[in-house]
Structure formats: C-alpha cells, structure tokens
C-alpha cells in the first residue's frame, strides 16, 4: 500500500565556483548543497521514546558540473546523508552516494534529464539499498517579462517545469 511520506525539506545552495573562460577560467562549476528533511508521519513504534530530532535527516552534496555545449550538461556529485532514526536497527544512519546526472536539450525549450545514484555503502547485512535511476523532461516556459535582454543574460530566471520518473522512493527523496 502507498503511504504519503509527508516530508518537509529545506536546503541552501552556495555557488563556490562558476564555469568560465578568460582571466578567471574554470572548466567546471562547483556548488555546495546542504539541507534538512523532516518526516511528518506518525511514529510506528509507540513503545520507543521518540523526539522531534528523531524526525530529522540531513544531507550534504558537492555538485561538480560542466556545460559542454548549449545542448549537453553533465555533473557528478558526492553525497552524504544522515538519518537520525532509521526503520530497522540494521539500517545505517549515514549513507554515502555518488550521483551522476546529465541534461540534453532536445529543442530550445525541452530537455531530457537523467540521474543515477550509486550508494557507496549500499549493503547492510542482508539489506541492500537501491541505486536509484531517474529519467525526466524539463519544459522551459521562458522569460515573459518586459526586459528580454535581461532574460538572455540571466536564463536562470526562467521558469522550468520538470517531470521525473524514478525506480526508488527511498534515496532520491532526500537529495534535491
């Protein structure tokens, strides 16, 4: 049976290095992402004393990406995830992953995206974590404001609608 996770997620992104040419040349962009998730579901085991902090999980990710052309962007991202409470005592509280992702622009406003996470410490005894794969489409709606020159200089201000399909509901939900 499907059960809603009722999660709240807050995160911060900080641009450490931006891909550029010229005097401050860098072949890649590097972005740090750190965040917290809170599980809003009722605790399953009422016998165990649970605290508010038991609901929290934390993640850190260093995204290293490169735009190879107007059509192709690739990234890798080492990721660390910590869960204060886990479903079973055999589950790990700390999970390490290596994410690989990419984006191929199919048209000016449509892109195919893919993302795969290899869970580095993916085996706990008999339990094995999934290595999620997601495939999606981004539809860029474009900038519709009065200053079209600004849109050309700052495409990040465009609105993007994305659809993704994944084989995992466990790992992917913690990573932005």
C-alpha atoms as a PDB file:
ATOM      1  CA  UNK A   1       0.000   0.000   0.000  1.00  0.00           C
ATOM      2  CA  UNK A   2       1.214   3.502  -0.836  1.00  0.00           C
ATOM      3  CA  UNK A   3       1.698   5.886   2.034  1.00  0.00           C
ATOM      4  CA  UNK A   4       2.454   9.578   1.703  1.00  0.00           C
ATOM      5  CA  UNK A   5       5.783  10.490   3.313  1.00  0.00           C
ATOM      6  CA  UNK A   6       4.577  13.926   4.457  1.00  0.00           C
ATOM      7  CA  UNK A   7       8.066  15.406   4.362  1.00  0.00           C
ATOM      8  CA  UNK A   8       9.259  18.966   4.678  1.00  0.00           C
ATOM      9  CA  UNK A   9      12.584  19.815   3.053  1.00  0.00           C
ATOM     10  CA  UNK A  10      14.690  22.929   3.429  1.00  0.00           C
ATOM     11  CA  UNK A  11      18.034  23.460   1.756  1.00  0.00           C
ATOM     12  CA  UNK A  12      20.666  26.029   0.853  1.00  0.00           C
ATOM     13  CA  UNK A  13      22.778  26.191  -2.286  1.00  0.00           C
ATOM     14  CA  UNK A  14      26.040  28.088  -2.433  1.00  0.00           C
ATOM     15  CA  UNK A  15      27.981  28.639  -5.638  1.00  0.00           C
ATOM     16  CA  UNK A  16      31.658  28.017  -4.855  1.00  0.00           C
ATOM     17  CA  UNK A  17      32.989  28.213  -8.394  1.00  0.00           C
ATOM     18  CA  UNK A  18      31.377  29.039 -11.730  1.00  0.00           C
ATOM     19  CA  UNK A  19      32.400  27.641 -15.118  1.00  0.00           C
ATOM     20  CA  UNK A  20      34.032  30.444 -17.086  1.00  0.00           C
ATOM     21  CA  UNK A  21      36.575  31.304 -19.734  1.00  0.00           C
ATOM     22  CA  UNK A  22      39.011  34.195 -19.786  1.00  0.00           C
ATOM     23  CA  UNK A  23      41.098  35.543 -16.913  1.00  0.00           C
ATOM     24  CA  UNK A  24      39.149  33.675 -14.217  1.00  0.00           C
ATOM     25  CA  UNK A  25      38.835  30.472 -16.247  1.00  0.00           C
ATOM     26  CA  UNK A  26      37.323  27.366 -14.682  1.00  0.00           C
ATOM     27  CA  UNK A  27      36.364  24.230 -16.621  1.00  0.00           C
ATOM     28  CA  UNK A  28      33.598  23.328 -14.140  1.00  0.00           C
ATOM     29  CA  UNK A  29      31.046  24.824 -11.779  1.00  0.00           C
ATOM     30  CA  UNK A  30      31.074  23.705  -8.140  1.00  0.00           C
ATOM     31  CA  UNK A  31      28.015  24.141  -5.945  1.00  0.00           C
ATOM     32  CA  UNK A  32      27.524  23.079  -2.321  1.00  0.00           C
ATOM     33  CA  UNK A  33      24.019  21.984  -1.278  1.00  0.00           C
ATOM     34  CA  UNK A  34      23.120  21.311   2.341  1.00  0.00           C
ATOM     35  CA  UNK A  35      19.702  20.618   3.735  1.00  0.00           C
ATOM     36  CA  UNK A  36      17.408  19.128   6.319  1.00  0.00           C
ATOM     37  CA  UNK A  37      14.344  16.951   5.889  1.00  0.00           C
ATOM     38  CA  UNK A  38      11.614  16.317   8.432  1.00  0.00           C
ATOM     39  CA  UNK A  39       9.399  13.243   8.296  1.00  0.00           C
ATOM     40  CA  UNK A  40       5.853  14.159   9.342  1.00  0.00           C
ATOM     41  CA  UNK A  41       4.449  10.636   9.658  1.00  0.00           C
ATOM     42  CA  UNK A  42       3.248   9.260  12.973  1.00  0.00           C
ATOM     43  CA  UNK A  43       5.919   7.172  14.684  1.00  0.00           C
ATOM     44  CA  UNK A  44       5.244   3.489  14.044  1.00  0.00           C
ATOM     45  CA  UNK A  45       6.655   2.131  17.311  1.00  0.00           C
ATOM     46  CA  UNK A  46       4.887   3.854  20.204  1.00  0.00           C
ATOM     47  CA  UNK A  47       6.945   1.794  22.687  1.00  0.00           C
ATOM     48  CA  UNK A  48      10.108   3.699  21.790  1.00  0.00           C
ATOM     49  CA  UNK A  49      10.561   7.218  23.118  1.00  0.00           C
ATOM     50  CA  UNK A  50      10.897   9.486  20.077  1.00  0.00           C
ATOM     51  CA  UNK A  51      11.886  13.143  19.968  1.00  0.00           C
ATOM     52  CA  UNK A  52      11.384  15.883  17.395  1.00  0.00           C
ATOM     53  CA  UNK A  53      15.002  15.407  16.312  1.00  0.00           C
ATOM     54  CA  UNK A  54      14.216  11.753  15.541  1.00  0.00           C
ATOM     55  CA  UNK A  55      12.214  13.018  12.556  1.00  0.00           C
ATOM     56  CA  UNK A  56      15.171  14.861  11.022  1.00  0.00           C
ATOM     57  CA  UNK A  57      17.626  13.886   8.322  1.00  0.00           C
ATOM     58  CA  UNK A  58      20.492  15.919   6.904  1.00  0.00           C
ATOM     59  CA  UNK A  59      22.253  15.887   3.560  1.00  0.00           C
ATOM     60  CA  UNK A  60      25.331  17.481   2.040  1.00  0.00           C
ATOM     61  CA  UNK A  61      26.225  17.424  -1.623  1.00  0.00           C
ATOM     62  CA  UNK A  62      29.035  18.897  -3.691  1.00  0.00           C
ATOM     63  CA  UNK A  63      27.804  19.284  -7.275  1.00  0.00           C
ATOM     64  CA  UNK A  64      30.571  19.429  -9.887  1.00  0.00           C
ATOM     65  CA  UNK A  65      29.144  20.193 -13.310  1.00  0.00           C
ATOM     66  CA  UNK A  66      30.185  21.197 -16.763  1.00  0.00           C
ATOM     67  CA  UNK A  67      28.239  22.628 -19.667  1.00  0.00           C
ATOM     68  CA  UNK A  68      29.946  21.060 -22.674  1.00  0.00           C
ATOM     69  CA  UNK A  69      27.759  22.816 -25.244  1.00  0.00           C
ATOM     70  CA  UNK A  70      24.416  24.579 -25.494  1.00  0.00           C
ATOM     71  CA  UNK A  71      22.824  21.116 -25.663  1.00  0.00           C
ATOM     72  CA  UNK A  72      24.838  18.958 -23.203  1.00  0.00           C
ATOM     73  CA  UNK A  73      25.443  19.377 -19.473  1.00  0.00           C
ATOM     74  CA  UNK A  74      26.877  16.685 -17.160  1.00  0.00           C
ATOM     75  CA  UNK A  75      27.503  16.579 -13.423  1.00  0.00           C
ATOM     76  CA  UNK A  76      28.858  14.364 -10.658  1.00  0.00           C
ATOM     77  CA  UNK A  77      28.032  14.859  -7.007  1.00  0.00           C
ATOM     78  CA  UNK A  78      29.440  13.098  -3.972  1.00  0.00           C
ATOM     79  CA  UNK A  79      26.628  12.993  -1.416  1.00  0.00           C
ATOM     80  CA  UNK A  80      26.344  12.358   2.324  1.00  0.00           C
ATOM     81  CA  UNK A  81      23.007  11.601   4.014  1.00  0.00           C
ATOM     82  CA  UNK A  82      22.406  11.208   7.762  1.00  0.00           C
ATOM     83  CA  UNK A  83      19.106   9.984   9.222  1.00  0.00           C
ATOM     84  CA  UNK A  84      18.528  10.407  12.946  1.00  0.00           C
ATOM     85  CA  UNK A  85      16.118   7.487  13.018  1.00  0.00           C
ATOM     86  CA  UNK A  86      16.037   4.528  10.647  1.00  0.00           C
ATOM     87  CA  UNK A  87      13.243   1.976  10.053  1.00  0.00           C
ATOM     88  CA  UNK A  88      15.202  -1.033  11.314  1.00  0.00           C
ATOM     89  CA  UNK A  89      18.152  -1.365  13.663  1.00  0.00           C
ATOM     90  CA  UNK A  90      20.152  -2.953  10.835  1.00  0.00           C
ATOM     91  CA  UNK A  91      19.839   0.195   8.671  1.00  0.00           C
ATOM     92  CA  UNK A  92      22.679   2.684   8.541  1.00  0.00           C
ATOM     93  CA  UNK A  93      22.274   6.210   9.865  1.00  0.00           C
ATOM     94  CA  UNK A  94      24.959   7.509   7.486  1.00  0.00           C
ATOM     95  CA  UNK A  95      24.730   6.835   3.751  1.00  0.00           C
ATOM     96  CA  UNK A  96      27.274   7.870   1.136  1.00  0.00           C
ATOM     97  CA  UNK A  97      26.425   8.174  -2.527  1.00  0.00           C
ATOM     98  CA  UNK A  98      27.928   9.192  -5.828  1.00  0.00           C
ATOM     99  CA  UNK A  99      25.471  10.850  -8.211  1.00  0.00           C
ATOM    100  CA  UNK A 100      25.916  11.175 -11.965  1.00  0.00           C
ATOM    101  CA  UNK A 101      23.485  13.263 -13.959  1.00  0.00           C
ATOM    102  CA  UNK A 102      23.007  14.901 -17.283  1.00  0.00           C
ATOM    103  CA  UNK A 103      20.805  17.054 -19.427  1.00  0.00           C
ATOM    104  CA  UNK A 104      20.400  17.025 -23.195  1.00  0.00           C
ATOM    105  CA  UNK A 105      18.408  19.820 -24.806  1.00  0.00           C
ATOM    106  CA  UNK A 106      16.132  18.315 -27.429  1.00  0.00           C
ATOM    107  CA  UNK A 107      14.695  21.646 -28.547  1.00  0.00           C
ATOM    108  CA  UNK A 108      15.016  25.252 -27.413  1.00  0.00           C
ATOM    109  CA  UNK A 109      12.514  24.626 -24.591  1.00  0.00           C
ATOM    110  CA  UNK A 110      12.551  20.841 -23.993  1.00  0.00           C
ATOM    111  CA  UNK A 111      15.317  18.811 -22.328  1.00  0.00           C
ATOM    112  CA  UNK A 112      15.797  15.161 -21.423  1.00  0.00           C
ATOM    113  CA  UNK A 113      17.347  14.663 -17.977  1.00  0.00           C
ATOM    114  CA  UNK A 114      18.779  11.569 -16.313  1.00  0.00           C
ATOM    115  CA  UNK A 115      20.192  10.937 -12.866  1.00  0.00           C
ATOM    116  CA  UNK A 116      21.770   7.855 -11.264  1.00  0.00           C
ATOM    117  CA  UNK A 117      22.955   7.466  -7.670  1.00  0.00           C
ATOM    118  CA  UNK A 118      25.380   4.738  -6.682  1.00  0.00           C
ATOM    119  CA  UNK A 119      25.024   4.109  -2.948  1.00  0.00           C
ATOM    120  CA  UNK A 120      28.636   3.568  -1.885  1.00  0.00           C
ATOM    121  CA  UNK A 121      27.900   1.803   1.409  1.00  0.00           C
ATOM    122  CA  UNK A 122      24.847   0.132  -0.098  1.00  0.00           C
ATOM    123  CA  UNK A 123      24.767  -3.137   1.810  1.00  0.00           C
ATOM    124  CA  UNK A 124      23.834  -3.723   5.468  1.00  0.00           C
ATOM    125  CA  UNK A 125      23.998  -7.438   6.145  1.00  0.00           C
ATOM    126  CA  UNK A 126      21.137  -8.905   4.119  1.00  0.00           C
ATOM    127  CA  UNK A 127      19.662  -5.486   3.310  1.00  0.00           C
ATOM    128  CA  UNK A 128      20.763  -3.859   0.075  1.00  0.00           C
ATOM    129  CA  UNK A 129      19.915  -0.250  -0.798  1.00  0.00           C
ATOM    130  CA  UNK A 130      18.606   0.609  -4.245  1.00  0.00           C
ATOM    131  CA  UNK A 131      20.739   2.608  -6.645  1.00  0.00           C
ATOM    132  CA  UNK A 132      18.065   4.981  -7.990  1.00  0.00           C
ATOM    133  CA  UNK A 133      17.822   5.952 -11.609  1.00  0.00           C
ATOM    134  CA  UNK A 134      15.521   8.737 -12.719  1.00  0.00           C
ATOM    135  CA  UNK A 135      14.679   9.968 -16.185  1.00  0.00           C
ATOM    136  CA  UNK A 136      12.754  13.151 -16.789  1.00  0.00           C
ATOM    137  CA  UNK A 137      11.833  16.016 -19.043  1.00  0.00           C
ATOM    138  CA  UNK A 138      12.244  19.742 -18.382  1.00  0.00           C
ATOM    139  CA  UNK A 139       9.949  22.168 -20.136  1.00  0.00           C
ATOM    140  CA  UNK A 140      11.259  25.728 -20.107  1.00  0.00           C
ATOM    141  CA  UNK A 141       8.446  28.251 -20.255  1.00  0.00           C
ATOM    142  CA  UNK A 142      10.835  31.125 -20.970  1.00  0.00           C
ATOM    143  CA  UNK A 143      11.094  34.625 -19.586  1.00  0.00           C
ATOM    144  CA  UNK A 144       7.984  36.651 -20.277  1.00  0.00           C
ATOM    145  CA  UNK A 145       8.925  39.907 -18.595  1.00  0.00           C
ATOM    146  CA  UNK A 146       9.400  43.342 -20.145  1.00  0.00           C
ATOM    147  CA  UNK A 147      13.205  43.137 -20.323  1.00  0.00           C
ATOM    148  CA  UNK A 148      14.040  40.398 -22.855  1.00  0.00           C
ATOM    149  CA  UNK A 149      17.736  41.401 -22.847  1.00  0.00           C
ATOM    150  CA  UNK A 150      17.835  40.517 -19.143  1.00  0.00           C
ATOM    151  CA  UNK A 151      16.420  37.071 -19.958  1.00  0.00           C
ATOM    152  CA  UNK A 152      19.261  36.431 -22.386  1.00  0.00           C
ATOM    153  CA  UNK A 153      21.839  37.414 -19.761  1.00  0.00           C
ATOM    154  CA  UNK A 154      20.117  35.606 -16.864  1.00  0.00           C
ATOM    155  CA  UNK A 155      18.443  32.427 -18.159  1.00  0.00           C
ATOM    156  CA  UNK A 156      18.285  31.091 -14.594  1.00  0.00           C
ATOM    157  CA  UNK A 157      15.344  33.444 -14.044  1.00  0.00           C
ATOM    158  CA  UNK A 158      13.228  31.465 -16.497  1.00  0.00           C
ATOM    159  CA  UNK A 159      10.581  29.159 -15.104  1.00  0.00           C
ATOM    160  CA  UNK A 160      11.159  25.424 -15.636  1.00  0.00           C
ATOM    161  CA  UNK A 161       8.578  22.671 -15.217  1.00  0.00           C
ATOM    162  CA  UNK A 162      10.060  19.209 -14.761  1.00  0.00           C
ATOM    163  CA  UNK A 163       8.718  15.669 -14.763  1.00  0.00           C
ATOM    164  CA  UNK A 164      10.832  12.777 -13.482  1.00  0.00           C
ATOM    165  CA  UNK A 165      10.335   9.056 -13.180  1.00  0.00           C
ATOM    166  CA  UNK A 166      12.485   7.046 -10.780  1.00  0.00           C
ATOM    167  CA  UNK A 167      12.886   3.460  -9.620  1.00  0.00           C
ATOM    168  CA  UNK A 168      13.336   4.471  -5.967  1.00  0.00           C
ATOM    169  CA  UNK A 169      11.267   6.232  -3.334  1.00  0.00           C
ATOM    170  CA  UNK A 170      13.887   5.923  -0.600  1.00  0.00           C
ATOM    171  CA  UNK A 171      17.161   7.594  -1.609  1.00  0.00           C
ATOM    172  CA  UNK A 172      16.013  10.148  -4.157  1.00  0.00           C
ATOM    173  CA  UNK A 173      13.603  11.880  -1.774  1.00  0.00           C
ATOM    174  CA  UNK A 174      16.471  13.245   0.334  1.00  0.00           C
ATOM    175  CA  UNK A 175      18.528  14.690  -2.489  1.00  0.00           C
ATOM    176  CA  UNK A 176      17.438  17.954  -4.071  1.00  0.00           C
END
